[in-house]
Amino acid sequence: MYHAYIVQCNDGTYYVGSTNDLTRRVHHHNHAKAGAHYTKIRRPVVLVYSEQYETYAEVRKREGELKRLTRAQKIVTLKK
């Protein structure tokens, strides 16, 4: 199972990603020395949205779609 997700950073911005272990990835965003520089300098992050997909190809496609959304569109997505 794969997850497309959105985390909200401490500064109020959003970060979109995908993973096959959502709990581990959010923990990694908050605690790891390596990884996404964007979230590393904006800790802590909070998971605010996720969707599940069966295949890697599906989740990567959805991640790309989420990343192309404007901030306003992401906020609407979060409310669904």
PDB file of N, CA and C in Angstrom:
ATOM      1  N   MET A   1       0.841  -1.184   0.000  1.00  0.00           N
ATOM      2  CA  MET A   1       0.000   0.000   0.000  1.00  0.00           C
ATOM      3  C   MET A   1       0.885   1.245   0.000  1.00  0.00           C
ATOM      4  N   TYR A   2       0.536   2.215  -0.805  1.00  0.00           N
ATOM      5  CA  TYR A   2       1.280   3.468  -0.918  1.00  0.00           C
ATOM      6  C   TYR A   2       0.381   4.629  -0.509  1.00  0.00           C
ATOM      7  N   HIS A   3       0.990   5.701  -0.042  1.00  0.00           N
ATOM      8  CA  HIS A   3       0.243   6.866   0.425  1.00  0.00           C
ATOM      9  C   HIS A   3       0.770   8.139  -0.224  1.00  0.00           C
ATOM     10  N   ALA A   4      -0.136   8.953  -0.742  1.00  0.00           N
ATOM     11  CA  ALA A   4       0.177  10.336  -1.111  1.00  0.00           C
ATOM     12  C   ALA A   4      -0.253  11.150   0.103  1.00  0.00           C
ATOM     13  N   TYR A   5       0.549  12.130   0.490  1.00  0.00           N
ATOM     14  CA  TYR A   5       0.224  12.836   1.726  1.00  0.00           C
ATOM     15  C   TYR A   5       0.580  14.317   1.649  1.00  0.00           C
ATOM     16  N   ILE A   6      -0.034  15.064   2.560  1.00  0.00           N
ATOM     17  CA  ILE A   6       0.288  16.477   2.740  1.00  0.00           C
ATOM     18  C   ILE A   6       0.566  16.678   4.221  1.00  0.00           C
ATOM     19  N   VAL A   7       1.704  17.307   4.512  1.00  0.00           N
ATOM     20  CA  VAL A   7       1.983  17.719   5.887  1.00  0.00           C
ATOM     21  C   VAL A   7       1.977  19.238   5.934  1.00  0.00           C
ATOM     22  N   GLN A   8       1.559  19.760   7.080  1.00  0.00           N
ATOM     23  CA  GLN A   8       1.628  21.202   7.291  1.00  0.00           C
ATOM     24  C   GLN A   8       2.844  21.475   8.150  1.00  0.00           C
ATOM     25  N   CYS A   9       3.662  22.388   7.685  1.00  0.00           N
ATOM     26  CA  CYS A   9       4.888  22.749   8.400  1.00  0.00           C
ATOM     27  C   CYS A   9       4.591  23.792   9.471  1.00  0.00           C
ATOM     28  N   ASN A  10       5.535  23.963  10.373  1.00  0.00           N
ATOM     29  CA  ASN A  10       5.401  24.902  11.472  1.00  0.00           C
ATOM     30  C   ASN A  10       5.133  26.326  10.998  1.00  0.00           C
ATOM     31  N   ASP A  11       5.602  26.680   9.821  1.00  0.00           N
ATOM     32  CA  ASP A  11       5.382  28.039   9.302  1.00  0.00           C
ATOM     33  C   ASP A  11       4.075  28.172   8.518  1.00  0.00           C
ATOM     34  N   GLY A  12       3.257  27.098   8.501  1.00  0.00           N
ATOM     35  CA  GLY A  12       1.960  27.136   7.834  1.00  0.00           C
ATOM     36  C   GLY A  12       1.977  26.693   6.388  1.00  0.00           C
ATOM     37  N   THR A  13       3.150  26.422   5.828  1.00  0.00           N
ATOM     38  CA  THR A  13       3.231  25.949   4.451  1.00  0.00           C
ATOM     39  C   THR A  13       2.927  24.461   4.386  1.00  0.00           C
ATOM     40  N   TYR A  14       2.695  23.976   3.173  1.00  0.00           N
ATOM     41  CA  TYR A  14       2.381  22.568   2.962  1.00  0.00           C
ATOM     42  C   TYR A  14       3.480  21.892   2.161  1.00  0.00           C
ATOM     43  N   TYR A  15       3.686  20.623   2.472  1.00  0.00           N
ATOM     44  CA  TYR A  15       4.641  19.790   1.746  1.00  0.00           C
ATOM     45  C   TYR A  15       3.902  18.541   1.294  1.00  0.00           C
ATOM     46  N   VAL A  16       4.064  18.172   0.035  1.00  0.00           N
ATOM     47  CA  VAL A  16       3.408  16.996  -0.538  1.00  0.00           C
ATOM     48  C   VAL A  16       4.459  15.934  -0.804  1.00  0.00           C
ATOM     49  N   GLY A  17       4.124  14.680  -0.492  1.00  0.00           N
ATOM     50  CA  GLY A  17       5.040  13.584  -0.755  1.00  0.00           C
ATOM     51  C   GLY A  17       4.290  12.277  -0.930  1.00  0.00           C
ATOM     52  N   SER A  18       5.048  11.199  -1.084  1.00  0.00           N
ATOM     53  CA  SER A  18       4.460   9.860  -1.166  1.00  0.00           C
ATOM     54  C   SER A  18       5.403   8.874  -0.493  1.00  0.00           C
ATOM     55  N   THR A  19       4.831   7.779   0.002  1.00  0.00           N
ATOM     56  CA  THR A  19       5.606   6.796   0.747  1.00  0.00           C
ATOM     57  C   THR A  19       4.846   5.480   0.824  1.00  0.00           C
ATOM     58  N   ASN A  20       5.558   4.435   1.218  1.00  0.00           N
ATOM     59  CA  ASN A  20       4.886   3.160   1.483  1.00  0.00           C
ATOM     60  C   ASN A  20       4.767   2.907   2.985  1.00  0.00           C
ATOM     61  N   ASP A  21       5.249   3.826   3.822  1.00  0.00           N
ATOM     62  CA  ASP A  21       5.132   3.728   5.287  1.00  0.00           C
ATOM     63  C   ASP A  21       4.903   5.131   5.835  1.00  0.00           C
ATOM     64  N   LEU A  22       3.651   5.503   5.951  1.00  0.00           N
ATOM     65  CA  LEU A  22       3.291   6.877   6.300  1.00  0.00           C
ATOM     66  C   LEU A  22       3.765   7.271   7.699  1.00  0.00           C
ATOM     67  N   THR A  23       3.588   6.416   8.667  1.00  0.00           N
ATOM     68  CA  THR A  23       4.018   6.726  10.032  1.00  0.00           C
ATOM     69  C   THR A  23       5.516   6.973  10.089  1.00  0.00           C
ATOM     70  N   ARG A  24       6.291   6.095   9.468  1.00  0.00           N
ATOM     71  CA  ARG A  24       7.741   6.253   9.450  1.00  0.00           C
ATOM     72  C   ARG A  24       8.147   7.533   8.736  1.00  0.00           C
ATOM     73  N   ARG A  25       7.475   7.847   7.634  1.00  0.00           N
ATOM     74  CA  ARG A  25       7.858   9.025   6.857  1.00  0.00           C
ATOM     75  C   ARG A  25       7.590  10.325   7.612  1.00  0.00           C
ATOM     76  N   VAL A  26       6.446  10.421   8.283  1.00  0.00           N
ATOM     77  CA  VAL A  26       6.153  11.634   9.061  1.00  0.00           C
ATOM     78  C   VAL A  26       7.159  11.769  10.206  1.00  0.00           C
ATOM     79  N   HIS A  27       7.474  10.657  10.845  1.00  0.00           N
ATOM     80  CA  HIS A  27       8.491  10.673  11.902  1.00  0.00           C
ATOM     81  C   HIS A  27       9.832  11.148  11.328  1.00  0.00           C
ATOM     82  N   HIS A  28      10.167  10.661  10.159  1.00  0.00           N
ATOM     83  CA  HIS A  28      11.406  11.043   9.486  1.00  0.00           C
ATOM     84  C   HIS A  28      11.434  12.547   9.193  1.00  0.00           C
ATOM     85  N   HIS A  29      10.301  13.088   8.728  1.00  0.00           N
ATOM     86  CA  HIS A  29      10.227  14.532   8.469  1.00  0.00           C
ATOM     87  C   HIS A  29      10.516  15.335   9.745  1.00  0.00           C
ATOM     88  N   ASN A  30      10.081  14.812  10.875  1.00  0.00           N
ATOM     89  CA  ASN A  30      10.234  15.544  12.132  1.00  0.00           C
ATOM     90  C   ASN A  30      11.548  15.305  12.855  1.00  0.00           C
ATOM     91  N   HIS A  31      12.232  14.186  12.595  1.00  0.00           N
ATOM     92  CA  HIS A  31      13.371  13.830  13.428  1.00  0.00           C
ATOM     93  C   HIS A  31      14.673  13.495  12.703  1.00  0.00           C
ATOM     94  N   ALA A  32      14.613  13.157  11.436  1.00  0.00           N
ATOM     95  CA  ALA A  32      15.813  12.693  10.739  1.00  0.00           C
ATOM     96  C   ALA A  32      16.739  13.851  10.377  1.00  0.00           C
ATOM     97  N   LYS A  33      18.033  13.562  10.363  1.00  0.00           N
ATOM     98  CA  LYS A  33      19.015  14.563   9.941  1.00  0.00           C
ATOM     99  C   LYS A  33      19.079  14.647   8.428  1.00  0.00           C
ATOM    100  N   ALA A  34      18.834  13.550   7.750  1.00  0.00           N
ATOM    101  CA  ALA A  34      18.809  13.516   6.287  1.00  0.00           C
ATOM    102  C   ALA A  34      17.355  13.578   5.837  1.00  0.00           C
ATOM    103  N   GLY A  35      17.140  13.790   4.561  1.00  0.00           N
ATOM    104  CA  GLY A  35      15.778  13.793   4.038  1.00  0.00           C
ATOM    105  C   GLY A  35      15.411  15.122   3.433  1.00  0.00           C
ATOM    106  N   ALA A  36      14.133  15.392   3.422  1.00  0.00           N
ATOM    107  CA  ALA A  36      13.605  16.586   2.761  1.00  0.00           C
ATOM    108  C   ALA A  36      14.057  17.859   3.479  1.00  0.00           C
ATOM    109  N   HIS A  37      14.891  18.620   2.820  1.00  0.00           N
ATOM    110  CA  HIS A  37      15.394  19.871   3.391  1.00  0.00           C
ATOM    111  C   HIS A  37      14.250  20.829   3.701  1.00  0.00           C
ATOM    112  N   TYR A  38      13.247  20.860   2.833  1.00  0.00           N
ATOM    113  CA  TYR A  38      12.125  21.785   3.009  1.00  0.00           C
ATOM    114  C   TYR A  38      11.481  21.609   4.377  1.00  0.00           C
ATOM    115  N   THR A  39      11.197  20.374   4.760  1.00  0.00           N
ATOM    116  CA  THR A  39      10.534  20.151   6.053  1.00  0.00           C
ATOM    117  C   THR A  39      11.522  20.214   7.208  1.00  0.00           C
ATOM    118  N   LYS A  40      12.764  19.869   6.954  1.00  0.00           N
ATOM    119  CA  LYS A  40      13.769  19.870   8.022  1.00  0.00           C
ATOM    120  C   LYS A  40      13.932  21.254   8.644  1.00  0.00           C
ATOM    121  N   ILE A  41      13.815  22.291   7.838  1.00  0.00           N
ATOM    122  CA  ILE A  41      13.984  23.645   8.363  1.00  0.00           C
ATOM    123  C   ILE A  41      12.659  24.280   8.783  1.00  0.00           C
ATOM    124  N   ARG A  42      11.563  23.510   8.718  1.00  0.00           N
ATOM    125  CA  ARG A  42      10.238  24.019   9.073  1.00  0.00           C
ATOM    126  C   ARG A  42       9.539  23.096  10.063  1.00  0.00           C
ATOM    127  N   ARG A  43      10.285  22.457  10.916  1.00  0.00           N
ATOM    128  CA  ARG A  43       9.723  21.523  11.896  1.00  0.00           C
ATOM    129  C   ARG A  43       9.059  22.266  13.039  1.00  0.00           C
ATOM    130  N   PRO A  44       8.112  21.612  13.697  1.00  0.00           N
ATOM    131  CA  PRO A  44       7.589  20.279  13.409  1.00  0.00           C
ATOM    132  C   PRO A  44       6.549  20.317  12.287  1.00  0.00           C
ATOM    133  N   VAL A  45       6.345  19.159  11.685  1.00  0.00           N
ATOM    134  CA  VAL A  45       5.301  19.028  10.669  1.00  0.00           C
ATOM    135  C   VAL A  45       4.194  18.143  11.223  1.00  0.00           C
ATOM    136  N   VAL A  46       2.990  18.352  10.701  1.00  0.00           N
ATOM    137  CA  VAL A  46       1.824  17.584  11.128  1.00  0.00           C
ATOM    138  C   VAL A  46       1.149  17.025   9.886  1.00  0.00           C
ATOM    139  N   LEU A  47       0.843  15.743   9.912  1.00  0.00           N
ATOM    140  CA  LEU A  47       0.118  15.130   8.798  1.00  0.00           C
ATOM    141  C   LEU A  47      -1.303  15.676   8.786  1.00  0.00           C
ATOM    142  N   VAL A  48      -1.708  16.246   7.646  1.00  0.00           N
ATOM    143  CA  VAL A  48      -3.053  16.818   7.554  1.00  0.00           C
ATOM    144  C   VAL A  48      -3.923  16.132   6.504  1.00  0.00           C
ATOM    145  N   TYR A  49      -3.311  15.281   5.639  1.00  0.00           N
ATOM    146  CA  TYR A  49      -4.088  14.643   4.588  1.00  0.00           C
ATOM    147  C   TYR A  49      -3.323  13.459   4.020  1.00  0.00           C
ATOM    148  N   SER A  50      -4.051  12.382   3.702  1.00  0.00           N
ATOM    149  CA  SER A  50      -3.418  11.256   3.006  1.00  0.00           C
ATOM    150  C   SER A  50      -4.451  10.481   2.202  1.00  0.00           C
ATOM    151  N   GLU A  51      -3.971   9.827   1.162  1.00  0.00           N
ATOM    152  CA  GLU A  51      -4.775   8.953   0.309  1.00  0.00           C
ATOM    153  C   GLU A  51      -3.980   7.679   0.076  1.00  0.00           C
ATOM    154  N   GLN A  52      -4.676   6.547  -0.048  1.00  0.00           N
ATOM    155  CA  GLN A  52      -4.008   5.260  -0.271  1.00  0.00           C
ATOM    156  C   GLN A  52      -4.144   4.830  -1.728  1.00  0.00           C
ATOM    157  N   TYR A  53      -3.071   4.178  -2.221  1.00  0.00           N
ATOM    158  CA  TYR A  53      -3.051   3.646  -3.579  1.00  0.00           C
ATOM    159  C   TYR A  53      -2.405   2.276  -3.576  1.00  0.00           C
ATOM    160  N   GLU A  54      -2.790   1.465  -4.522  1.00  0.00           N
ATOM    161  CA  GLU A  54      -2.281   0.104  -4.621  1.00  0.00           C
ATOM    162  C   GLU A  54      -0.894   0.028  -5.256  1.00  0.00           C
ATOM    163  N   THR A  55      -0.623   0.889  -6.225  1.00  0.00           N
ATOM    164  CA  THR A  55       0.641   0.780  -6.951  1.00  0.00           C
ATOM    165  C   THR A  55       1.482   2.049  -6.820  1.00  0.00           C
ATOM    166  N   TYR A  56       2.765   1.863  -7.012  1.00  0.00           N
ATOM    167  CA  TYR A  56       3.710   2.972  -6.979  1.00  0.00           C
ATOM    168  C   TYR A  56       3.394   3.985  -8.082  1.00  0.00           C
ATOM    169  N   ALA A  57       3.050   3.498  -9.258  1.00  0.00           N
ATOM    170  CA  ALA A  57       2.734   4.388 -10.380  1.00  0.00           C
ATOM    171  C   ALA A  57       1.534   5.278 -10.053  1.00  0.00           C
ATOM    172  N   GLU A  58       0.517   4.705  -9.428  1.00  0.00           N
ATOM    173  CA  GLU A  58      -0.667   5.490  -9.067  1.00  0.00           C
ATOM    174  C   GLU A  58      -0.334   6.581  -8.053  1.00  0.00           C
ATOM    175  N   VAL A  59       0.431   6.222  -7.037  1.00  0.00           N
ATOM    176  CA  VAL A  59       0.730   7.195  -5.993  1.00  0.00           C
ATOM    177  C   VAL A  59       1.628   8.313  -6.515  1.00  0.00           C
ATOM    178  N   ARG A  60       2.573   7.984  -7.381  1.00  0.00           N
ATOM    179  CA  ARG A  60       3.449   9.019  -7.942  1.00  0.00           C
ATOM    180  C   ARG A  60       2.655   9.981  -8.836  1.00  0.00           C
ATOM    181  N   LYS A  61       1.699   9.444  -9.576  1.00  0.00           N
ATOM    182  CA  LYS A  61       0.844  10.291 -10.403  1.00  0.00           C
ATOM    183  C   LYS A  61       0.049  11.253  -9.521  1.00  0.00           C
ATOM    184  N   ARG A  62      -0.537  10.730  -8.447  1.00  0.00           N
ATOM    185  CA  ARG A  62      -1.334  11.572  -7.549  1.00  0.00           C
ATOM    186  C   ARG A  62      -0.456  12.591  -6.821  1.00  0.00           C
ATOM    187  N   GLU A  63       0.738  12.193  -6.422  1.00  0.00           N
ATOM    188  CA  GLU A  63       1.654  13.129  -5.776  1.00  0.00           C
ATOM    189  C   GLU A  63       1.921  14.321  -6.702  1.00  0.00           C
ATOM    190  N   GLY A  64       2.155  14.042  -7.967  1.00  0.00           N
ATOM    191  CA  GLY A  64       2.379  15.109  -8.936  1.00  0.00           C
ATOM    192  C   GLY A  64       1.180  16.033  -9.062  1.00  0.00           C
ATOM    193  N   GLU A  65      -0.014  15.447  -9.063  1.00  0.00           N
ATOM    194  CA  GLU A  65      -1.233  16.256  -9.140  1.00  0.00           C
ATOM    195  C   GLU A  65      -1.362  17.159  -7.917  1.00  0.00           C
ATOM    196  N   LEU A  66      -1.122  16.596  -6.736  1.00  0.00           N
ATOM    197  CA  LEU A  66      -1.215  17.388  -5.506  1.00  0.00           C
ATOM    198  C   LEU A  66      -0.183  18.504  -5.472  1.00  0.00           C
ATOM    199  N   LYS A  67       1.018  18.223  -5.943  1.00  0.00           N
ATOM    200  CA  LYS A  67       2.075  19.239  -5.945  1.00  0.00           C
ATOM    201  C   LYS A  67       1.744  20.405  -6.868  1.00  0.00           C
ATOM    202  N   ARG A  68       0.994  20.158  -7.921  1.00  0.00           N
ATOM    203  CA  ARG A  68       0.644  21.222  -8.861  1.00  0.00           C
ATOM    204  C   ARG A  68      -0.517  22.099  -8.383  1.00  0.00           C
ATOM    205  N   LEU A  69      -1.195  21.692  -7.313  1.00  0.00           N
ATOM    206  CA  LEU A  69      -2.301  22.496  -6.790  1.00  0.00           C
ATOM    207  C   LEU A  69      -1.775  23.793  -6.183  1.00  0.00           C
ATOM    208  N   THR A  70      -2.570  24.828  -6.272  1.00  0.00           N
ATOM    209  CA  THR A  70      -2.228  26.068  -5.576  1.00  0.00           C
ATOM    210  C   THR A  70      -2.485  25.855  -4.086  1.00  0.00           C
ATOM    211  N   ARG A  71      -2.010  26.775  -3.272  1.00  0.00           N
ATOM    212  CA  ARG A  71      -2.259  26.683  -1.833  1.00  0.00           C
ATOM    213  C   ARG A  71      -3.763  26.632  -1.557  1.00  0.00           C
ATOM    214  N   ALA A  72      -4.531  27.489  -2.219  1.00  0.00           N
ATOM    215  CA  ALA A  72      -5.980  27.517  -2.022  1.00  0.00           C
ATOM    216  C   ALA A  72      -6.619  26.181  -2.395  1.00  0.00           C
ATOM    217  N   GLN A  73      -6.169  25.582  -3.493  1.00  0.00           N
ATOM    218  CA  GLN A  73      -6.700  24.285  -3.908  1.00  0.00           C
ATOM    219  C   GLN A  73      -6.319  23.198  -2.914  1.00  0.00           C
ATOM    220  N   LYS A  74      -5.116  23.263  -2.345  1.00  0.00           N
ATOM    221  CA  LYS A  74      -4.709  22.289  -1.329  1.00  0.00           C
ATOM    222  C   LYS A  74      -5.611  22.399  -0.102  1.00  0.00           C
ATOM    223  N   ILE A  75      -5.937  23.609   0.303  1.00  0.00           N
ATOM    224  CA  ILE A  75      -6.808  23.804   1.470  1.00  0.00           C
ATOM    225  C   ILE A  75      -8.175  23.202   1.211  1.00  0.00           C
ATOM    226  N   VAL A  76      -8.721  23.375   0.010  1.00  0.00           N
ATOM    227  CA  VAL A  76     -10.008  22.761  -0.344  1.00  0.00           C
ATOM    228  C   VAL A  76      -9.891  21.238  -0.273  1.00  0.00           C
ATOM    229  N   THR A  77      -8.794  20.682  -0.773  1.00  0.00           N
ATOM    230  CA  THR A  77      -8.562  19.236  -0.731  1.00  0.00           C
ATOM    231  C   THR A  77      -8.526  18.735   0.709  1.00  0.00           C
ATOM    232  N   LEU A  78      -7.917  19.488   1.599  1.00  0.00           N
ATOM    233  CA  LEU A  78      -7.818  19.093   3.007  1.00  0.00           C
ATOM    234  C   LEU A  78      -9.195  18.984   3.664  1.00  0.00           C
ATOM    235  N   LYS A  79     -10.134  19.745   3.191  1.00  0.00           N
ATOM    236  CA  LYS A  79     -11.472  19.767   3.805  1.00  0.00           C
ATOM    237  C   LYS A  79     -12.352  18.623   3.334  1.00  0.00           C
ATOM    238  N   LYS A  80     -11.896  17.874   2.336  1.00  0.00           N
ATOM    239  CA  LYS A  80     -12.702  16.752   1.805  1.00  0.00           C
ATOM    240  C   LYS A  80     -12.680  15.581   2.746  1.00  0.00           C
TER     241      LYS A  80
END
